[in-house]
Amino acid sequence: MTLITDRPPAASGSGPPDRPMSARNEKKAHSLGLTSATGLVIGSIVGTGVFTMPAVLAGAGTMGIVVLAVIAVGAMLLAVLFGQLTKRVPNSDGGLYAYSRHEFGDFAGYLVGWCYWVQAWAGNAAIVSSWVFYVDALFGFSHPSGMENFGIAVVGLWVPAVINLVGIRQMAWFQNITVVLKFLPLFFVGVVGWFFVQKVHFGAFNASGGSLYSAIGIAAGVALFSFIGVEAAAVTAKRVRDPRRNVLRASMLGTVISAMLYVLVTAAVMGLVAHHTLVNTGSPFVNAFQSIFPHEAWAGKFIAAIAVVSGIGALNGWTLIVTETSRAIAQDDLFPRPFTWTDRKGTAWFGILVGTALPTLLMLWRYNTSAGLTVFTYLVDLTVVTVAIPYFFSAIAQLTYLVSRRRRVQGWQLARDLSVAGASVLFSLWVTFASGYQVVYQALVVILVGLVLYAFLNARRQRLGEAAEPKDFTTEAPVAGLVGSE
């Protein structure tokens, strides 16, 4: 697809001619340069879940660090894949949704958009379940009930929703502050924390109590969940300057930096906190700071407060992503039209309300059926399965192009691109398989519910002439061989 830019009429009179509007307005239309796009990727990847991730990985054992590194390689492959797709579908609105719709049509586009929307609000539930652990630590709630934690989760979900509904521009400074607050303790533990690491704190290589495969399954879900956001530059390609080049570069740089930070921090926390303590806490950074400052009572409260504030910032950003995802699909008439409803400030208020009500109901169900890290790990696995489907469709979209006659790459470049697409297909399949049958089964039910919705949406589009109607066989013109003789 070629990028078409408008040019103004030729200038009249003397003096130098005007520059083309495409060059002059490009910075305004595509406001994200390489640095900003890379920051967006890092900010999207490194969310609140990282504050709970070391505890879940410790449950698998020190092999969790190895799994994290392997998942990081898979995330880098996906980053390359999204960069390659953006070269063919630049300025796309919706990223993964746009790739699948471009290659496979409306149905595949809807399916990918539905799955990505589900993982976005389910991911908010996972984020807020991690956030609840740090609220408990901050206020000293040692044994809160499920409904008490649900009440805390409601606050965590709906405060960002109100912020998005109000749409106050001045709240942007709050978002920037929370990003800084999120990274400071991570860098501190990842660098200074290593001077306080004790070898005796590391658990066994496989501490799951089961097979190596089951331990890999425990670690793989939360590891991939931590890298969701690698597609951020691709999703916002329409606003990235020179997306054909910068989406790939920003995605790779952001993923590599995030991966290095993750491995350093996770390994440091495992060495700072005794294994039996680590696997039984949902706020491992509180324990890590207490190990670094053993005689300072403020240390645990300080990191808990930072995690709470940064968690609100992460939920604020992802609430916007949930809303914009549904609005982009609805604008193409592949989602219910109320998701395009906006107020006078341009805020898609209906999408915000629905996108916040659904994780609220999900949290109500989970806190009435389980507790502790079980809530977090379940929501992580559900999010991972639903996001693996858009990743899979993106990979096969690229694979379809490469094996078709439309491709423009040959020789070693074709072999390279086929390797990236093929590895991304296998990676997405493996992540889905490793998530466990229960979560895959429940994710399948969610997908099937979405297909029921598509049936009604497609029927409406056919009535309005927006989609082609299939030609049905009629009794007036039976097909030979299908009607028997009397």
Protein backbone atom coordinates (compact mmCIF):
# COMPACT_ATOMS: atom_id res chain seq x y z
CA MET A 1 0.00 0.00 0.00
CA THR A 2 1.36 3.39 -0.91
CA LEU A 3 1.25 6.39 1.36
CA ILE A 4 -0.54 9.17 -0.53
CA THR A 5 0.05 12.71 0.67
CA ASP A 6 -1.71 15.91 -0.33
CA ARG A 7 0.16 18.77 -1.93
CA PRO A 8 -0.97 22.39 -1.99
CA PRO A 9 -1.34 24.38 -5.17
CA ALA A 10 1.81 26.00 -6.52
CA ALA A 11 2.75 29.27 -4.93
CA SER A 12 2.24 32.44 -6.94
CA GLY A 13 4.41 35.51 -7.09
CA SER A 14 8.06 35.89 -6.23
CA GLY A 15 9.96 34.27 -3.45
CA PRO A 16 10.85 30.67 -2.73
CA PRO A 17 8.18 28.07 -3.45
CA ASP A 18 6.26 26.59 -0.56
CA ARG A 19 7.38 23.21 0.68
CA PRO A 20 4.96 20.37 0.01
CA MET A 21 2.29 20.08 2.64
CA SER A 22 3.16 16.42 3.12
CA ALA A 23 6.62 17.35 4.38
CA ARG A 24 5.47 20.36 6.37
CA ASN A 25 2.56 18.70 8.12
CA GLU A 26 4.09 15.28 8.61
CA LYS A 27 5.31 16.07 12.12
CA LYS A 28 1.85 17.29 13.07
CA ALA A 29 0.01 14.32 11.59
CA HIS A 30 2.61 11.78 12.75
CA SER A 31 3.60 13.21 16.12
CA LEU A 32 5.47 10.17 17.47
CA GLY A 33 9.12 10.03 16.47
CA LEU A 34 11.40 7.07 17.16
CA THR A 35 12.14 8.11 20.74
CA SER A 36 8.49 8.71 21.63
CA ALA A 37 7.36 5.50 19.91
CA THR A 38 10.02 3.52 21.78
CA GLY A 39 8.91 5.08 25.04
CA LEU A 40 5.32 4.15 24.23
CA VAL A 41 6.33 0.51 23.69
CA ILE A 42 8.33 0.38 26.95
CA GLY A 43 5.54 2.07 28.89
CA SER A 44 2.97 -0.35 27.47
CA ILE A 45 5.08 -3.45 28.16
CA VAL A 46 6.23 -2.58 31.66
CA GLY A 47 2.95 -2.43 33.54
CA THR A 48 1.87 -3.09 37.11
CA GLY A 49 2.03 -6.85 36.59
CA VAL A 50 5.82 -6.70 36.87
CA PHE A 51 5.38 -5.91 40.57
CA THR A 52 3.83 -9.37 41.10
CA MET A 53 5.62 -11.36 38.37
CA PRO A 54 8.67 -12.46 40.47
CA ALA A 55 6.39 -14.24 42.95
CA VAL A 56 4.64 -16.24 40.21
CA LEU A 57 7.91 -17.11 38.47
CA ALA A 58 9.39 -18.21 41.80
CA GLY A 59 6.56 -20.73 42.07
CA ALA A 60 8.00 -22.40 38.97
CA GLY A 61 11.58 -22.15 40.29
CA THR A 62 14.68 -20.42 39.02
CA MET A 63 13.90 -21.93 35.62
CA GLY A 64 11.29 -19.15 35.47
CA ILE A 65 14.13 -16.76 34.62
CA VAL A 66 15.06 -18.98 31.66
CA VAL A 67 11.43 -19.08 30.49
CA LEU A 68 11.26 -15.29 30.82
CA ALA A 69 14.33 -14.99 28.57
CA VAL A 70 12.80 -17.39 26.00
CA ILE A 71 9.53 -15.45 26.00
CA ALA A 72 11.57 -12.30 25.50
CA VAL A 73 13.05 -13.79 22.32
CA GLY A 74 9.53 -14.66 21.16
CA ALA A 75 8.40 -11.10 21.88
CA MET A 76 11.30 -9.78 19.79
CA LEU A 77 10.19 -11.99 16.90
CA LEU A 78 6.71 -10.51 17.23
CA ALA A 79 8.23 -7.02 17.23
CA VAL A 80 9.97 -7.79 13.93
CA LEU A 81 6.74 -9.31 12.57
CA PHE A 82 4.69 -6.19 13.40
CA GLY A 83 7.34 -4.03 11.79
CA GLN A 84 7.18 -6.09 8.59
CA LEU A 85 3.38 -5.95 8.54
CA THR A 86 3.41 -2.19 9.03
CA LYS A 87 5.57 -1.82 5.92
CA ARG A 88 2.68 -3.31 3.94
CA VAL A 89 -0.16 -1.71 5.90
CA PRO A 90 1.22 1.67 7.08
CA ASN A 91 -0.92 4.26 8.83
CA SER A 92 -3.27 1.49 9.98
CA ASP A 93 -5.85 2.25 12.63
CA GLY A 94 -6.01 -0.71 14.98
CA GLY A 95 -2.76 -2.52 14.25
CA LEU A 96 -3.34 -6.26 14.61
CA TYR A 97 -7.02 -5.85 13.73
CA ALA A 98 -6.10 -3.92 10.56
CA TYR A 99 -3.52 -6.53 9.45
CA SER A 100 -5.99 -9.41 9.65
CA ARG A 101 -8.78 -7.46 7.99
CA HIS A 102 -6.44 -6.41 5.18
CA GLU A 103 -5.36 -10.00 4.48
CA PHE A 104 -8.42 -12.09 5.33
CA GLY A 105 -11.42 -9.77 5.22
CA ASP A 106 -14.03 -8.50 7.64
CA PHE A 107 -14.69 -11.74 9.52
CA ALA A 108 -11.05 -12.29 10.47
CA GLY A 109 -10.72 -8.60 11.28
CA TYR A 110 -13.69 -8.79 13.61
CA LEU A 111 -12.42 -11.96 15.30
CA VAL A 112 -9.01 -10.44 15.97
CA GLY A 113 -10.55 -7.15 17.10
CA TRP A 114 -12.92 -8.98 19.45
CA CYS A 115 -10.09 -11.04 20.98
CA TYR A 116 -7.84 -8.01 21.40
CA TRP A 117 -10.65 -6.03 23.03
CA VAL A 118 -11.38 -8.93 25.41
CA GLN A 119 -7.72 -9.29 26.38
CA ALA A 120 -7.49 -5.54 26.98
CA TRP A 121 -10.27 -5.40 29.56
CA ALA A 122 -9.38 -8.83 30.99
CA GLY A 123 -5.82 -7.52 31.26
CA ASN A 124 -7.15 -4.59 33.27
CA ALA A 125 -8.63 -7.13 35.68
CA ALA A 126 -5.22 -8.80 35.96
CA ILE A 127 -3.52 -5.44 36.53
CA VAL A 128 -5.96 -4.43 39.24
CA SER A 129 -5.59 -7.82 40.98
CA SER A 130 -1.85 -7.10 41.25
CA TRP A 131 -2.63 -3.55 42.38
CA VAL A 132 -4.85 -4.87 45.19
CA PHE A 133 -1.86 -6.71 46.74
CA TYR A 134 0.01 -3.44 47.14
CA VAL A 135 -3.01 -1.59 48.52
CA ASP A 136 -3.27 -4.33 51.15
CA ALA A 137 0.45 -3.96 51.92
CA LEU A 138 0.24 -0.15 52.08
CA PHE A 139 -2.64 -0.08 54.57
CA GLY A 140 -1.62 -3.20 56.48
CA PHE A 141 -4.56 -5.42 55.52
CA SER A 142 -3.10 -8.79 56.51
CA HIS A 143 -6.04 -11.11 55.84
CA PRO A 144 -8.67 -9.27 53.79
CA SER A 145 -11.76 -11.13 52.67
CA GLY A 146 -12.59 -11.67 49.02
CA MET A 147 -15.30 -9.00 49.08
CA GLU A 148 -12.98 -6.50 50.75
CA ASN A 149 -10.45 -7.03 47.99
CA PHE A 150 -13.24 -6.74 45.44
CA GLY A 151 -14.17 -3.35 46.91
CA ILE A 152 -10.55 -2.23 46.53
CA ALA A 153 -10.49 -3.52 42.94
CA VAL A 154 -13.65 -1.54 42.12
CA VAL A 155 -11.88 1.64 43.21
CA GLY A 156 -8.84 0.73 41.10
CA LEU A 157 -10.98 0.14 38.01
CA TRP A 158 -13.41 3.03 38.26
CA VAL A 159 -11.08 5.88 39.28
CA PRO A 160 -9.25 5.60 35.91
CA ALA A 161 -12.65 5.27 34.20
CA VAL A 162 -13.79 8.54 35.74
CA ILE A 163 -10.51 10.19 34.71
CA ASN A 164 -11.09 9.04 31.12
CA LEU A 165 -14.75 10.13 31.22
CA VAL A 166 -13.93 13.60 32.50
CA GLY A 167 -11.23 13.90 29.85
CA ILE A 168 -9.28 16.60 31.67
CA ARG A 169 -6.19 17.41 29.64
CA GLN A 170 -4.31 18.43 32.75
CA MET A 171 -4.40 14.78 33.89
CA ALA A 172 -1.64 14.05 31.36
CA TRP A 173 0.93 15.19 33.90
CA PHE A 174 -0.39 12.57 36.33
CA GLN A 175 0.13 9.87 33.70
CA ASN A 176 3.74 10.97 33.14
CA ILE A 177 4.48 11.05 36.87
CA THR A 178 3.12 7.54 37.38
CA VAL A 179 5.34 6.22 34.58
CA VAL A 180 8.42 7.70 36.28
CA LEU A 181 7.34 6.33 39.66
CA LYS A 182 6.93 2.89 38.12
CA PHE A 183 10.43 2.76 36.69
CA LEU A 184 12.39 4.17 39.63
CA PRO A 185 11.95 1.18 41.99
CA LEU A 186 12.49 -1.26 39.12
CA PHE A 187 15.82 0.31 38.19
CA PHE A 188 16.78 0.55 41.86
CA VAL A 189 16.15 -3.15 42.52
CA GLY A 190 17.68 -4.17 39.18
CA VAL A 191 20.93 -2.33 39.96
CA VAL A 192 21.37 -1.64 43.69
CA GLY A 193 19.46 -4.75 44.73
CA TRP A 194 22.18 -7.02 43.34
CA PHE A 195 24.56 -5.87 46.11
CA PHE A 196 22.20 -7.45 48.68
CA VAL A 197 21.37 -10.70 46.88
CA GLN A 198 21.91 -13.93 48.84
CA LYS A 199 22.46 -17.19 47.00
CA VAL A 200 20.59 -19.17 49.64
CA HIS A 201 17.35 -17.35 48.77
CA PHE A 202 17.14 -18.83 45.27
CA GLY A 203 14.82 -21.83 45.12
CA ALA A 204 15.23 -25.05 43.18
CA PHE A 205 15.46 -25.01 39.39
CA ASN A 206 12.02 -26.67 39.29
CA ALA A 207 10.09 -25.71 42.42
CA SER A 208 6.62 -26.43 41.02
CA GLY A 209 6.33 -29.87 42.62
CA GLY A 210 5.42 -31.34 39.24
CA SER A 211 7.03 -32.04 35.92
CA LEU A 212 9.33 -29.62 34.11
CA TYR A 213 6.58 -29.09 31.54
CA SER A 214 4.08 -28.01 34.21
CA ALA A 215 6.65 -25.61 35.65
CA ILE A 216 7.18 -24.10 32.19
CA GLY A 217 3.41 -23.64 31.91
CA ILE A 218 3.33 -21.75 35.23
CA ALA A 219 6.09 -19.39 34.14
CA ALA A 220 5.11 -18.96 30.47
CA GLY A 221 1.73 -17.33 31.10
CA VAL A 222 2.91 -14.53 33.37
CA ALA A 223 6.08 -14.05 31.27
CA LEU A 224 4.10 -13.42 28.08
CA PHE A 225 1.58 -11.29 29.97
CA SER A 226 4.48 -9.07 30.98
CA PHE A 227 5.37 -8.50 27.30
CA ILE A 228 1.86 -7.60 26.14
CA GLY A 229 2.30 -4.13 24.69
CA VAL A 230 5.01 -5.08 22.21
CA GLU A 231 2.40 -4.18 19.58
CA ALA A 232 1.88 -0.64 20.92
CA ALA A 233 3.80 1.09 18.11
CA ALA A 234 1.99 -1.03 15.51
CA VAL A 235 -1.43 -0.21 16.99
CA THR A 236 -0.61 3.51 16.87
CA ALA A 237 1.20 3.36 13.48
CA LYS A 238 -1.12 6.06 12.14
CA ARG A 239 0.51 8.51 14.54
CA VAL A 240 4.12 7.32 14.18
CA ARG A 241 6.44 9.34 11.97
CA ASP A 242 7.72 7.25 9.03
CA PRO A 243 5.92 4.10 10.28
CA ARG A 244 7.53 1.85 7.66
CA ARG A 245 10.86 2.27 9.46
CA ASN A 246 10.09 3.46 12.97
CA VAL A 247 7.48 0.90 14.00
CA LEU A 248 10.01 -1.91 13.59
CA ARG A 249 12.81 0.02 15.25
CA ALA A 250 10.68 1.25 18.16
CA SER A 251 9.17 -2.20 18.74
CA MET A 252 12.57 -3.88 18.80
CA LEU A 253 14.26 -1.25 20.98
CA GLY A 254 11.36 -1.16 23.43
CA THR A 255 11.21 -4.94 23.70
CA VAL A 256 14.96 -5.38 24.18
CA ILE A 257 15.15 -2.70 26.89
CA SER A 258 12.10 -4.13 28.68
CA ALA A 259 13.50 -7.68 28.47
CA MET A 260 16.83 -6.64 30.02
CA LEU A 261 15.01 -4.82 32.82
CA TYR A 262 12.71 -7.78 33.47
CA VAL A 263 15.47 -10.37 33.73
CA LEU A 264 17.64 -8.17 35.97
CA VAL A 265 14.78 -7.26 38.30
CA THR A 266 13.22 -10.73 38.52
CA ALA A 267 16.51 -12.46 39.29
CA ALA A 268 17.38 -9.78 41.86
CA VAL A 269 14.06 -10.16 43.70
CA MET A 270 14.49 -13.95 43.78
CA GLY A 271 17.87 -13.40 45.44
CA LEU A 272 16.61 -10.74 47.84
CA VAL A 273 13.59 -12.60 49.22
CA ALA A 274 13.65 -16.10 50.68
CA HIS A 275 11.93 -18.56 48.33
CA HIS A 276 9.26 -19.75 50.81
CA THR A 277 8.33 -16.11 51.48
CA LEU A 278 8.37 -15.09 47.83
CA VAL A 279 5.95 -17.77 46.62
CA ASN A 280 3.39 -16.78 49.25
CA THR A 281 3.26 -13.04 48.69
CA GLY A 282 1.51 -10.93 46.10
CA SER A 283 3.71 -7.90 46.80
CA PRO A 284 7.28 -9.18 46.39
CA PHE A 285 8.79 -5.70 45.97
CA VAL A 286 7.74 -4.83 49.52
CA ASN A 287 9.78 -7.80 50.75
CA ALA A 288 12.66 -6.90 48.41
CA PHE A 289 12.89 -3.33 49.76
CA GLN A 290 12.72 -4.63 53.32
CA SER A 291 15.70 -6.87 52.54
CA ILE A 292 17.68 -3.90 51.22
CA PHE A 293 16.63 -1.68 54.15
CA PRO A 294 16.11 -4.23 56.96
CA HIS A 295 15.96 -1.67 59.78
CA GLU A 296 13.81 0.92 58.05
CA ALA A 297 10.06 0.55 58.64
CA TRP A 298 9.26 3.04 55.90
CA ALA A 299 10.84 0.97 53.08
CA GLY A 300 7.95 -1.45 52.56
CA LYS A 301 5.31 1.29 52.79
CA PHE A 302 7.28 3.46 50.39
CA ILE A 303 7.44 0.90 47.58
CA ALA A 304 3.81 -0.11 48.19
CA ALA A 305 2.71 3.52 47.81
CA ILE A 306 4.69 3.88 44.57
CA ALA A 307 3.18 0.66 43.20
CA VAL A 308 -0.33 1.87 44.09
CA VAL A 309 0.09 5.25 42.36
CA SER A 310 1.80 3.77 39.30
CA GLY A 311 -0.92 1.11 39.12
CA ILE A 312 -3.59 3.78 38.78
CA GLY A 313 -1.54 5.29 35.96
CA ALA A 314 -1.25 1.95 34.17
CA LEU A 315 -4.99 1.33 34.51
CA ASN A 316 -5.67 4.84 33.25
CA GLY A 317 -3.70 4.16 30.07
CA TRP A 318 -5.13 0.71 29.44
CA THR A 319 -8.69 1.97 30.01
CA LEU A 320 -8.03 4.31 27.10
CA ILE A 321 -6.69 1.42 24.99
CA VAL A 322 -9.81 -0.66 25.74
CA THR A 323 -11.99 2.26 24.65
CA GLU A 324 -10.07 3.12 21.50
CA THR A 325 -9.88 -0.53 20.43
CA SER A 326 -13.67 -0.91 20.49
CA ARG A 327 -14.18 2.49 18.86
CA ALA A 328 -11.82 1.66 15.93
CA ILE A 329 -13.69 -1.57 15.18
CA ALA A 330 -17.12 0.06 15.60
CA GLN A 331 -16.18 2.83 13.16
CA ASP A 332 -15.78 0.10 10.53
CA ASP A 333 -19.28 -1.21 11.42
CA LEU A 334 -17.77 -4.43 12.79
CA PHE A 335 -18.78 -3.67 16.38
CA PRO A 336 -22.00 -2.31 17.91
CA ARG A 337 -22.43 1.33 16.97
CA PRO A 338 -22.88 2.59 20.57
CA PHE A 339 -19.11 2.12 20.98
CA THR A 340 -18.68 5.12 18.65
CA TRP A 341 -20.91 7.34 20.77
CA THR A 342 -18.92 10.33 22.02
CA ASP A 343 -19.62 13.39 24.11
CA ARG A 344 -18.81 16.95 23.09
CA LYS A 345 -15.18 16.44 24.16
CA GLY A 346 -14.84 13.46 21.83
CA THR A 347 -14.75 10.93 24.68
CA ALA A 348 -16.19 7.51 23.77
CA TRP A 349 -18.14 7.31 27.02
CA PHE A 350 -20.09 4.14 26.19
CA GLY A 351 -16.87 2.22 25.48
CA ILE A 352 -15.41 3.38 28.79
CA LEU A 353 -18.44 2.28 30.79
CA VAL A 354 -18.70 -1.15 29.17
CA GLY A 355 -14.93 -1.66 29.18
CA THR A 356 -14.87 -1.00 32.94
CA ALA A 357 -18.05 -2.85 33.89
CA LEU A 358 -16.85 -6.12 32.34
CA PRO A 359 -13.60 -6.44 34.36
CA THR A 360 -15.59 -5.38 37.44
CA LEU A 361 -17.91 -8.35 36.96
CA LEU A 362 -14.93 -10.59 36.25
CA MET A 363 -13.29 -9.53 39.53
CA LEU A 364 -16.52 -10.14 41.43
CA TRP A 365 -16.60 -13.71 40.11
CA ARG A 366 -12.92 -14.43 40.77
CA TYR A 367 -12.88 -13.03 44.31
CA ASN A 368 -15.89 -15.21 45.15
CA THR A 369 -14.23 -18.37 43.81
CA SER A 370 -10.52 -17.99 44.67
CA ALA A 371 -8.03 -15.81 46.52
CA GLY A 372 -4.44 -14.59 46.60
CA LEU A 373 -2.08 -15.22 43.69
CA THR A 374 -4.61 -17.66 42.20
CA VAL A 375 -6.77 -14.71 41.13
CA PHE A 376 -3.84 -13.00 39.46
CA THR A 377 -2.50 -16.08 37.67
CA TYR A 378 -5.94 -17.04 36.33
CA LEU A 379 -6.57 -13.57 34.90
CA VAL A 380 -3.07 -13.52 33.42
CA ASP A 381 -3.66 -16.85 31.66
CA LEU A 382 -7.04 -15.70 30.30
CA THR A 383 -5.45 -12.52 28.95
CA VAL A 384 -2.55 -14.43 27.39
CA VAL A 385 -4.82 -16.88 25.53
CA THR A 386 -6.99 -14.12 24.08
CA VAL A 387 -4.00 -12.02 22.98
CA ALA A 388 -2.22 -15.05 21.49
CA ILE A 389 -5.02 -15.29 18.89
CA PRO A 390 -4.40 -11.80 17.43
CA TYR A 391 -0.67 -12.57 17.46
CA PHE A 392 -1.36 -15.84 15.61
CA PHE A 393 -3.55 -14.16 12.98
CA SER A 394 -0.92 -11.47 12.43
CA ALA A 395 1.69 -14.18 11.86
CA ILE A 396 -0.42 -16.12 9.36
CA ALA A 397 -1.36 -12.86 7.60
CA GLN A 398 2.34 -12.30 6.94
CA LEU A 399 2.81 -15.98 6.06
CA THR A 400 0.00 -15.77 3.49
CA TYR A 401 1.64 -12.79 1.84
CA LEU A 402 5.04 -14.46 1.73
CA VAL A 403 3.80 -17.64 0.04
CA SER A 404 1.58 -15.74 -2.42
CA ARG A 405 2.56 -14.26 -5.76
CA ARG A 406 2.15 -10.74 -4.37
CA ARG A 407 5.35 -10.85 -2.36
CA ARG A 408 8.21 -8.57 -3.30
CA VAL A 409 10.98 -10.23 -1.28
CA GLN A 410 13.23 -12.89 -2.75
CA GLY A 411 16.26 -14.98 -1.87
CA TRP A 412 17.68 -14.75 1.63
CA GLN A 413 15.22 -11.99 2.57
CA LEU A 414 12.36 -14.34 1.80
CA ALA A 415 13.99 -17.06 3.92
CA ARG A 416 14.46 -14.56 6.75
CA ASP A 417 10.87 -13.31 6.64
CA LEU A 418 9.48 -16.84 6.40
CA SER A 419 11.53 -17.80 9.45
CA VAL A 420 10.15 -14.86 11.46
CA ALA A 421 6.54 -15.55 10.42
CA GLY A 422 6.85 -19.31 10.95
CA ALA A 423 8.49 -18.92 14.36
CA SER A 424 5.78 -16.40 15.39
CA VAL A 425 3.07 -18.92 14.39
CA LEU A 426 4.71 -21.66 16.47
CA PHE A 427 5.30 -19.27 19.37
CA SER A 428 1.63 -18.21 19.47
CA LEU A 429 0.50 -21.85 19.33
CA TRP A 430 2.88 -22.90 22.08
CA VAL A 431 1.80 -20.08 24.39
CA THR A 432 -1.85 -21.06 23.90
CA PHE A 433 -1.08 -24.72 24.56
CA ALA A 434 1.00 -23.97 27.65
CA SER A 435 -1.75 -21.88 29.24
CA GLY A 436 -3.70 -24.96 30.30
CA TYR A 437 -6.91 -26.57 29.12
CA GLN A 438 -9.24 -24.80 31.58
CA VAL A 439 -8.33 -21.26 30.51
CA VAL A 440 -8.24 -22.25 26.81
CA TYR A 441 -11.72 -23.76 27.18
CA GLN A 442 -13.10 -20.62 28.84
CA ALA A 443 -11.42 -18.36 26.27
CA LEU A 444 -13.04 -20.45 23.52
CA VAL A 445 -16.46 -19.81 25.07
CA VAL A 446 -15.73 -16.06 25.06
CA ILE A 447 -14.75 -16.25 21.38
CA LEU A 448 -17.91 -18.18 20.48
CA VAL A 449 -20.04 -15.55 22.24
CA GLY A 450 -18.31 -12.97 20.07
CA LEU A 451 -19.21 -14.93 16.94
CA VAL A 452 -22.88 -14.83 17.92
CA LEU A 453 -22.59 -11.04 18.10
CA TYR A 454 -20.92 -11.03 14.66
CA ALA A 455 -23.90 -12.92 13.18
CA PHE A 456 -26.24 -10.05 14.06
CA LEU A 457 -23.73 -7.38 13.01
CA ASN A 458 -23.15 -9.05 9.66
CA ALA A 459 -26.89 -9.40 9.02
CA ARG A 460 -27.33 -5.67 9.64
CA ARG A 461 -24.45 -4.83 7.30
CA GLN A 462 -26.03 -6.98 4.59
CA ARG A 463 -29.36 -5.17 4.99
CA LEU A 464 -27.61 -1.82 4.66
CA GLY A 465 -25.65 -2.96 1.62
CA GLU A 466 -22.31 -2.69 3.46
CA ALA A 467 -21.52 -6.39 3.01
CA ALA A 468 -22.16 -8.73 0.11
CA GLU A 469 -25.10 -11.08 0.53
CA PRO A 470 -24.37 -14.76 -0.22
CA LYS A 471 -26.32 -16.36 -3.04
CA ASP A 472 -28.58 -19.07 -1.65
CA PHE A 473 -29.92 -22.09 -3.51
CA THR A 474 -33.68 -21.94 -3.99
CA THR A 475 -36.35 -24.56 -4.61
CA GLU A 476 -37.06 -22.92 -7.95
CA ALA A 477 -33.58 -23.73 -9.24
CA PRO A 478 -32.48 -26.99 -7.59
CA VAL A 479 -28.93 -28.19 -8.10
CA ALA A 480 -28.69 -31.34 -10.19
CA GLY A 481 -27.96 -34.42 -8.18
CA LEU A 482 -29.21 -32.94 -4.88
CA VAL A 483 -32.91 -33.63 -5.43
CA GLY A 484 -33.93 -37.30 -5.61
CA SER A 485 -36.59 -38.67 -7.96
CA GLU A 486 -39.95 -39.61 -6.59
